[in-house]
C-alpha atoms as a PDB file:
ATOM      1  CA  MET A   1      45.809  31.900 -35.934  1.00  0.00           C
ATOM      2  CA  ARG A   2      48.903  30.496 -34.257  1.00  0.00           C
ATOM      3  CA  VAL A   3      48.738  28.539 -31.016  1.00  0.00           C
ATOM      4  CA  ILE A   4      51.455  27.937 -28.432  1.00  0.00           C
ATOM      5  CA  ILE A   5      50.988  25.112 -25.937  1.00  0.00           C
ATOM      6  CA  ALA A   6      53.264  25.650 -22.929  1.00  0.00           C
ATOM      7  CA  TYR A   7      53.878  23.063 -20.228  1.00  0.00           C
ATOM      8  CA  LYS A   8      56.150  22.913 -17.205  1.00  0.00           C
ATOM      9  CA  ASN A   9      59.527  21.456 -18.104  1.00  0.00           C
ATOM     10  CA  PHE A  10      60.091  19.062 -15.222  1.00  0.00           C
ATOM     11  CA  ALA A  11      63.086  17.703 -17.121  1.00  0.00           C
ATOM     12  CA  ALA A  12      64.925  20.848 -16.054  1.00  0.00           C
ATOM     13  CA  SER A  13      65.076  19.200 -12.622  1.00  0.00           C
ATOM     14  CA  LYS A  14      67.181  16.069 -12.573  1.00  0.00           C
ATOM     15  CA  HIS A  15      65.425  12.694 -12.441  1.00  0.00           C
ATOM     16  CA  ILE A  16      61.926  14.202 -12.832  1.00  0.00           C
ATOM     17  CA  SER A  17      59.838  13.154 -15.822  1.00  0.00           C
ATOM     18  CA  HIS A  18      57.749  15.568 -17.872  1.00  0.00           C
ATOM     19  CA  ILE A  19      56.382  12.937 -20.204  1.00  0.00           C
ATOM     20  CA  GLY A  20      52.648  13.265 -19.458  1.00  0.00           C
ATOM     21  CA  LEU A  21      51.907  16.909 -20.241  1.00  0.00           C
ATOM     22  CA  GLY A  22      54.585  16.965 -22.927  1.00  0.00           C
ATOM     23  CA  VAL A  23      53.142  14.022 -24.852  1.00  0.00           C
ATOM     24  CA  ALA A  24      49.605  15.410 -24.524  1.00  0.00           C
ATOM     25  CA  ALA A  25      50.771  18.792 -25.846  1.00  0.00           C
ATOM     26  CA  LEU A  26      52.615  17.222 -28.792  1.00  0.00           C
ATOM     27  CA  ASN A  27      49.588  15.131 -29.777  1.00  0.00           C
ATOM     28  CA  THR A  28      47.282  18.137 -29.661  1.00  0.00           C
ATOM     29  CA  CYS A  29      49.800  20.176 -31.650  1.00  0.00           C
ATOM     30  CA  LYS A  30      50.003  17.532 -34.393  1.00  0.00           C
ATOM     31  CA  VAL A  31      46.218  17.379 -34.723  1.00  0.00           C
ATOM     32  CA  LEU A  32      45.952  21.163 -34.980  1.00  0.00           C
ATOM     33  CA  GLN A  33      48.709  21.285 -37.593  1.00  0.00           C
ATOM     34  CA  LYS A  34      47.000  18.539 -39.578  1.00  0.00           C
ATOM     35  CA  HIS A  35      43.896  20.735 -39.724  1.00  0.00           C
ATOM     36  CA  GLY A  36      45.816  23.789 -40.894  1.00  0.00           C
ATOM     37  CA  ILE A  37      46.264  25.580 -37.554  1.00  0.00           C
ATOM     38  CA  ALA A  38      49.827  26.709 -36.838  1.00  0.00           C
ATOM     39  CA  CYS A  39      50.942  25.374 -33.464  1.00  0.00           C
ATOM     40  CA  ASP A  40      54.145  24.991 -31.439  1.00  0.00           C
ATOM     41  CA  VAL A  41      54.890  23.293 -28.126  1.00  0.00           C
ATOM     42  CA  TRP A  42      57.099  25.100 -25.619  1.00  0.00           C
ATOM     43  CA  PRO A  43      58.517  23.445 -22.489  1.00  0.00           C
ATOM     44  CA  ILE A  44      59.035  26.261 -19.983  1.00  0.00           C
ATOM     45  CA  VAL A  45      60.320  26.496 -16.414  1.00  0.00           C
ATOM     46  CA  ASN A  46      58.409  29.546 -15.169  1.00  0.00           C
ATOM     47  CA  ALA A  47      56.452  32.633 -16.235  1.00  0.00           C
ATOM     48  CA  GLU A  48      59.591  34.616 -17.011  1.00  0.00           C
ATOM     49  CA  ASP A  49      60.769  31.863 -19.330  1.00  0.00           C
ATOM     50  CA  LEU A  50      57.446  32.099 -21.182  1.00  0.00           C
ATOM     51  CA  ARG A  51      57.713  35.897 -21.334  1.00  0.00           C
ATOM     52  CA  LYS A  52      61.221  35.722 -22.849  1.00  0.00           C
ATOM     53  CA  ARG A  53      60.161  33.159 -25.447  1.00  0.00           C
ATOM     54  CA  ILE A  54      57.190  35.275 -26.508  1.00  0.00           C
ATOM     55  CA  ASN A  55      59.407  38.352 -26.843  1.00  0.00           C
ATOM     56  CA  LEU A  56      61.942  36.427 -28.915  1.00  0.00           C
ATOM     57  CA  ASP A  57      59.143  35.083 -31.087  1.00  0.00           C
ATOM     58  CA  ILE A  58      57.749  38.581 -31.659  1.00  0.00           C
ATOM     59  CA  ALA A  59      61.227  39.822 -32.596  1.00  0.00           C
ATOM     60  CA  ASN A  60      61.468  37.153 -35.305  1.00  0.00           C
ATOM     61  CA  LYS A  61      59.674  38.839 -38.200  1.00  0.00           C
ATOM     62  CA  ASN A  62      59.669  35.602 -40.199  1.00  0.00           C
ATOM     63  CA  LEU A  63      57.161  33.962 -37.837  1.00  0.00           C
ATOM     64  CA  PRO A  64      53.400  34.546 -37.876  1.00  0.00           C
ATOM     65  CA  ALA A  65      52.063  36.369 -34.833  1.00  0.00           C
ATOM     66  CA  ILE A  66      51.038  34.291 -31.821  1.00  0.00           C
ATOM     67  CA  SER A  67      47.272  34.472 -31.312  1.00  0.00           C
ATOM     68  CA  HIS A  68      46.775  32.034 -28.412  1.00  0.00           C
ATOM     69  CA  VAL A  69      48.894  30.630 -25.582  1.00  0.00           C
ATOM     70  CA  VAL A  70      47.499  27.608 -23.724  1.00  0.00           C
ATOM     71  CA  ILE A  71      49.253  26.816 -20.438  1.00  0.00           C
ATOM     72  CA  SER A  72      48.890  23.157 -19.472  1.00  0.00           C
ATOM     73  CA  ALA A  73      47.815  22.831 -15.826  1.00  0.00           C
ATOM     74  CA  PRO A  74      47.390  25.581 -13.215  1.00  0.00           C
ATOM     75  CA  TRP A  75      50.915  26.100 -11.900  1.00  0.00           C
ATOM     76  CA  ILE A  76      51.921  29.667 -12.826  1.00  0.00           C
ATOM     77  CA  LEU A  77      51.162  32.197 -10.089  1.00  0.00           C
ATOM     78  CA  THR A  78      48.141  34.386 -10.758  1.00  0.00           C
ATOM     79  CA  ASN A  79      49.985  37.709 -10.552  1.00  0.00           C
ATOM     80  CA  ALA A  80      52.432  36.432 -13.187  1.00  0.00           C
ATOM     81  CA  LEU A  81      49.535  35.429 -15.452  1.00  0.00           C
ATOM     82  CA  ASN A  82      48.007  38.862 -14.999  1.00  0.00           C
ATOM     83  CA  SER A  83      51.321  40.474 -15.934  1.00  0.00           C
ATOM     84  CA  LEU A  84      51.632  38.368 -19.109  1.00  0.00           C
ATOM     85  CA  CYS A  85      48.097  39.244 -20.201  1.00  0.00           C
ATOM     86  CA  MET A  86      48.708  42.936 -19.623  1.00  0.00           C
ATOM     87  CA  GLN A  87      52.029  42.930 -21.474  1.00  0.00           C
ATOM     88  CA  PHE A  88      50.688  41.018 -24.501  1.00  0.00           C
ATOM     89  CA  PRO A  89      47.091  42.228 -24.955  1.00  0.00           C
ATOM     90  CA  ARG A  90      46.854  40.866 -28.516  1.00  0.00           C
ATOM     91  CA  ILE A  91      47.527  37.318 -27.316  1.00  0.00           C
ATOM     92  CA  HIS A  92      44.716  35.338 -25.696  1.00  0.00           C
ATOM     93  CA  PHE A  93      46.013  33.268 -22.793  1.00  0.00           C
ATOM     94  CA  ALA A  94      44.335  30.225 -21.265  1.00  0.00           C
ATOM     95  CA  VAL A  95      45.120  27.951 -18.354  1.00  0.00           C
ATOM     96  CA  SER A  96      43.697  24.469 -18.825  1.00  0.00           C
ATOM     97  CA  SER A  97      43.239  22.141 -15.875  1.00  0.00           C
ATOM     98  CA  HIS A  98      44.920  18.856 -16.803  1.00  0.00           C
ATOM     99  CA  SER A  99      42.791  16.723 -14.481  1.00  0.00           C
ATOM    100  CA  ASN A 100      39.500  16.394 -12.692  1.00  0.00           C
ATOM    101  CA  VAL A 101      38.928  17.569  -9.123  1.00  0.00           C
ATOM    102  CA  GLY A 102      40.185  14.326  -7.590  1.00  0.00           C
ATOM    103  CA  PHE A 103      43.729  14.725  -8.894  1.00  0.00           C
ATOM    104  CA  LEU A 104      43.837  18.497  -8.970  1.00  0.00           C
ATOM    105  CA  GLN A 105      43.715  18.504  -5.172  1.00  0.00           C
ATOM    106  CA  ALA A 106      46.942  16.463  -5.101  1.00  0.00           C
ATOM    107  CA  ASP A 107      48.835  19.662  -5.928  1.00  0.00           C
ATOM    108  CA  PRO A 108      48.864  21.850  -2.799  1.00  0.00           C
ATOM    109  CA  ASN A 109      48.280  24.984  -4.905  1.00  0.00           C
ATOM    110  CA  GLY A 110      46.313  23.441  -7.773  1.00  0.00           C
ATOM    111  CA  MET A 111      42.783  24.216  -6.656  1.00  0.00           C
ATOM    112  CA  LYS A 112      43.749  27.629  -5.285  1.00  0.00           C
ATOM    113  CA  LEU A 113      45.394  28.692  -8.538  1.00  0.00           C
ATOM    114  CA  PHE A 114      42.506  27.401 -10.612  1.00  0.00           C
ATOM    115  CA  ARG A 115      39.949  29.324  -8.552  1.00  0.00           C
ATOM    116  CA  GLU A 116      42.083  32.433  -8.946  1.00  0.00           C
ATOM    117  CA  ALA A 117      42.149  31.786 -12.700  1.00  0.00           C
ATOM    118  CA  LEU A 118      38.346  31.783 -12.685  1.00  0.00           C
ATOM    119  CA  ASP A 119      38.428  35.232 -11.071  1.00  0.00           C
ATOM    120  CA  LEU A 120      41.162  36.466 -13.426  1.00  0.00           C
ATOM    121  CA  GLN A 121      39.109  35.727 -16.520  1.00  0.00           C
ATOM    122  CA  MET A 122      36.376  38.006 -15.194  1.00  0.00           C
ATOM    123  CA  ALA A 123      38.869  40.884 -15.012  1.00  0.00           C
ATOM    124  CA  LEU A 124      40.775  40.417 -18.275  1.00  0.00           C
ATOM    125  CA  PRO A 125      39.483  40.281 -21.858  1.00  0.00           C
ATOM    126  CA  ASN A 126      42.341  38.069 -23.052  1.00  0.00           C
ATOM    127  CA  PHE A 127      42.364  35.302 -20.447  1.00  0.00           C
ATOM    128  CA  THR A 128      40.309  32.115 -20.150  1.00  0.00           C
ATOM    129  CA  ALA A 129      40.106  29.371 -17.538  1.00  0.00           C
ATOM    130  CA  ALA A 130      39.545  25.957 -19.086  1.00  0.00           C
ATOM    131  CA  ALA A 131      39.570  22.223 -18.439  1.00  0.00           C
ATOM    132  CA  ASN A 132      40.607  19.329 -20.628  1.00  0.00           C
ATOM    133  CA  SER A 133      37.351  17.446 -20.003  1.00  0.00           C
ATOM    134  CA  GLU A 134      33.746  18.550 -20.335  1.00  0.00           C
ATOM    135  CA  LYS A 135      32.990  16.781 -17.042  1.00  0.00           C
ATOM    136  CA  MET A 136      35.399  19.046 -15.163  1.00  0.00           C
ATOM    137  CA  ALA A 137      34.258  22.164 -17.039  1.00  0.00           C
ATOM    138  CA  LYS A 138      30.618  21.404 -16.303  1.00  0.00           C
ATOM    139  CA  TRP A 139      31.379  20.880 -12.607  1.00  0.00           C
ATOM    140  CA  VAL A 140      33.177  24.235 -12.449  1.00  0.00           C
ATOM    141  CA  ARG A 141      30.242  26.024 -14.079  1.00  0.00           C
ATOM    142  CA  HIS A 142      27.767  24.425 -11.678  1.00  0.00           C
ATOM    143  CA  ALA A 143      29.911  24.729  -8.544  1.00  0.00           C
ATOM    144  CA  TYR A 144      31.180  28.293  -8.973  1.00  0.00           C
ATOM    145  CA  GLY A 145      28.741  29.781 -11.462  1.00  0.00           C
ATOM    146  CA  GLU A 146      31.617  31.006 -13.618  1.00  0.00           C
ATOM    147  CA  PRO A 147      32.567  30.249 -17.241  1.00  0.00           C
ATOM    148  CA  CYS A 148      34.939  27.372 -17.958  1.00  0.00           C
ATOM    149  CA  GLU A 149      35.824  26.362 -21.500  1.00  0.00           C
ATOM    150  CA  THR A 150      36.640  22.822 -22.591  1.00  0.00           C
ATOM    151  CA  LEU A 151      40.023  22.401 -24.291  1.00  0.00           C
ATOM    152  CA  SER A 152      40.158  18.664 -24.807  1.00  0.00           C
ATOM    153  CA  ASN A 153      43.350  16.705 -25.358  1.00  0.00           C
ATOM    154  CA  LEU A 154      43.562  15.689 -29.010  1.00  0.00           C
ATOM    155  CA  TYR A 155      45.185  12.426 -30.116  1.00  0.00           C
ATOM    156  CA  PHE A 156      47.039  12.208 -33.389  1.00  0.00           C
ATOM    157  CA  LEU A 157      46.751   9.195 -35.698  1.00  0.00           C
ATOM    158  CA  HIS A 158      49.357   9.108 -38.466  1.00  0.00           C
ATOM    159  CA  ASP A 159      47.023   7.272 -40.816  1.00  0.00           C
ATOM    160  CA  GLU A 160      43.265   7.050 -40.397  1.00  0.00           C
ATOM    161  CA  ASN A 161      43.449   3.612 -42.010  1.00  0.00           C
ATOM    162  CA  HIS A 162      46.209   2.409 -39.703  1.00  0.00           C
ATOM    163  CA  ARG A 163      46.342  -1.254 -38.756  1.00  0.00           C
ATOM    164  CA  GLN A 164      44.650  -2.237 -35.522  1.00  0.00           C
ATOM    165  CA  LYS A 165      44.722  -5.372 -33.457  1.00  0.00           C
ATOM    166  CA  PRO A 166      41.511  -7.406 -33.735  1.00  0.00           C
ATOM    167  CA  LEU A 167      38.944  -7.113 -30.948  1.00  0.00           C
ATOM    168  CA  TRP A 168      39.462  -9.449 -28.005  1.00  0.00           C
ATOM    169  CA  ASN A 169      37.665 -12.727 -28.671  1.00  0.00           C
ATOM    170  CA  GLY A 170      38.997 -15.068 -26.017  1.00  0.00           C
ATOM    171  CA  GLY A 171      42.129 -16.026 -24.138  1.00  0.00           C
ATOM    172  CA  VAL A 172      43.856 -13.896 -21.544  1.00  0.00           C
ATOM    173  CA  LEU A 173      42.525 -10.332 -21.368  1.00  0.00           C
ATOM    174  CA  ARG A 174      45.427  -8.010 -20.543  1.00  0.00           C
ATOM    175  CA  ILE A 175      44.626  -4.579 -19.183  1.00  0.00           C
ATOM    176  CA  GLY A 176      47.344  -1.960 -18.681  1.00  0.00           C
ATOM    177  CA  ALA A 177      47.258   1.189 -16.586  1.00  0.00           C
ATOM    178  CA  PHE A 178      50.086   3.617 -17.231  1.00  0.00           C
ATOM    179  CA  GLY A 179      51.323   6.434 -15.044  1.00  0.00           C
ATOM    180  CA  ALA A 180      53.671   7.247 -12.214  1.00  0.00           C
ATOM    181  CA  THR A 181      53.265   4.856  -9.304  1.00  0.00           C
ATOM    182  CA  ARG A 182      52.112   7.504  -6.846  1.00  0.00           C
ATOM    183  CA  PRO A 183      48.992   7.396  -4.663  1.00  0.00           C
ATOM    184  CA  GLN A 184      47.694  10.524  -6.405  1.00  0.00           C
ATOM    185  CA  LYS A 185      47.460   8.603  -9.670  1.00  0.00           C
ATOM    186  CA  ASN A 186      44.698   6.527  -8.060  1.00  0.00           C
ATOM    187  CA  LEU A 187      45.867   3.260  -9.621  1.00  0.00           C
ATOM    188  CA  ALA A 188      43.623   1.280  -7.276  1.00  0.00           C
ATOM    189  CA  SER A 189      40.643   2.523  -9.314  1.00  0.00           C
ATOM    190  CA  SER A 190      42.082   1.008 -12.489  1.00  0.00           C
ATOM    191  CA  VAL A 191      42.606  -2.291 -10.681  1.00  0.00           C
ATOM    192  CA  GLY A 192      39.042  -2.179  -9.378  1.00  0.00           C
ATOM    193  CA  ALA A 193      37.766  -1.572 -12.916  1.00  0.00           C
ATOM    194  CA  ALA A 194      39.831  -4.521 -14.190  1.00  0.00           C
ATOM    195  CA  ILE A 195      38.300  -6.778 -11.541  1.00  0.00           C
ATOM    196  CA  GLU A 196      34.814  -5.659 -12.573  1.00  0.00           C
ATOM    197  CA  ILE A 197      35.567  -6.296 -16.258  1.00  0.00           C
ATOM    198  CA  ALA A 198      36.954  -9.739 -15.446  1.00  0.00           C
ATOM    199  CA  HIS A 199      33.805 -10.580 -13.482  1.00  0.00           C
ATOM    200  CA  GLU A 200      31.418  -9.382 -16.190  1.00  0.00           C
ATOM    201  CA  LEU A 201      33.249 -11.094 -19.067  1.00  0.00           C
ATOM    202  CA  LYS A 202      34.127 -14.216 -17.047  1.00  0.00           C
ATOM    203  CA  ALA A 203      37.571 -13.866 -18.572  1.00  0.00           C
ATOM    204  CA  GLU A 204      41.029 -14.743 -17.326  1.00  0.00           C
ATOM    205  CA  THR A 205      42.428 -11.266 -16.792  1.00  0.00           C
ATOM    206  CA  GLU A 206      45.844  -9.759 -16.187  1.00  0.00           C
ATOM    207  CA  ASN A 207      46.272  -6.204 -14.965  1.00  0.00           C
ATOM    208  CA  TRP A 208      49.667  -4.744 -15.837  1.00  0.00           C
ATOM    209  CA  GLU A 209      51.001  -2.098 -13.470  1.00  0.00           C
ATOM    210  CA  ARG A 210      54.336  -1.521 -11.798  1.00  0.00           C
ATOM    211  CA  VAL A 211      53.104  -1.306  -8.249  1.00  0.00           C
ATOM    212  CA  SER A 212      53.355  -2.962  -4.854  1.00  0.00           C
ATOM    213  CA  GLY A 213      51.674  -3.144  -1.472  1.00  0.00           C
ATOM    214  CA  VAL A 214      47.892  -2.940  -1.297  1.00  0.00           C
ATOM    215  CA  ILE A 215      47.515  -2.534  -5.048  1.00  0.00           C
ATOM    216  CA  GLY A 216      49.721  -5.572  -5.526  1.00  0.00           C
ATOM    217  CA  ARG A 217      47.314  -7.649  -3.449  1.00  0.00           C
ATOM    218  CA  LEU A 218      44.436  -6.370  -5.559  1.00  0.00           C
ATOM    219  CA  LEU A 219      46.343  -7.508  -8.625  1.00  0.00           C
ATOM    220  CA  GLN A 220      46.542 -11.010  -7.187  1.00  0.00           C
ATOM    221  CA  LEU A 221      42.774 -10.990  -6.830  1.00  0.00           C
ATOM    222  CA  THR A 222      42.449  -9.806 -10.425  1.00  0.00           C
ATOM    223  CA  ALA A 223      44.699 -12.583 -11.651  1.00  0.00           C
ATOM    224  CA  ARG A 224      42.513 -15.210  -9.971  1.00  0.00           C
ATOM    225  CA  ARG A 225      39.433 -14.006 -11.820  1.00  0.00           C
END
């Protein structure tokens, strides 16, 4: 078995970060390698880029054969996915939704492409539609009555006995929410959760986010807790 995790290389466009899907892919790759499963991470710009990399990989006789290709997030057009599956029938392809329904709708084509992926897996023996959370996969199965596998993000720890900070036992409770400061990231939910935690623990709480406007006012409320 040899797995390729492919994600869209936003870095190919100037001033656009690719850190989220890239870091998730690298963590999953490290965990798989630790457990004896060969894995590589490929940043790609489109389906043709993926096709060329697979062909080059096949031409390199020193590398083990690719058995699985997992594409992070539904962004490759369905006809291109179909073409890849037909050209490489010995490779099992999967598209894994990187988010739940709430964020998937932020991409104008996200939900459309994912629904098409559900149909594609019914037509091809070497293609699977998946989600990175069981909650999303379960919703898909209930909502559409079609299979949806769970391909969870895996998080690599260098040492299982690594040092950890002690549990919070008083003082200022600092909560951080990390992500791009865009409405689609739904940062207001993290602020709301911080307010609830502050209320339940009766703790002086700081919520760390680089935001402004309405969320900034919510942060002020959090700080007063």
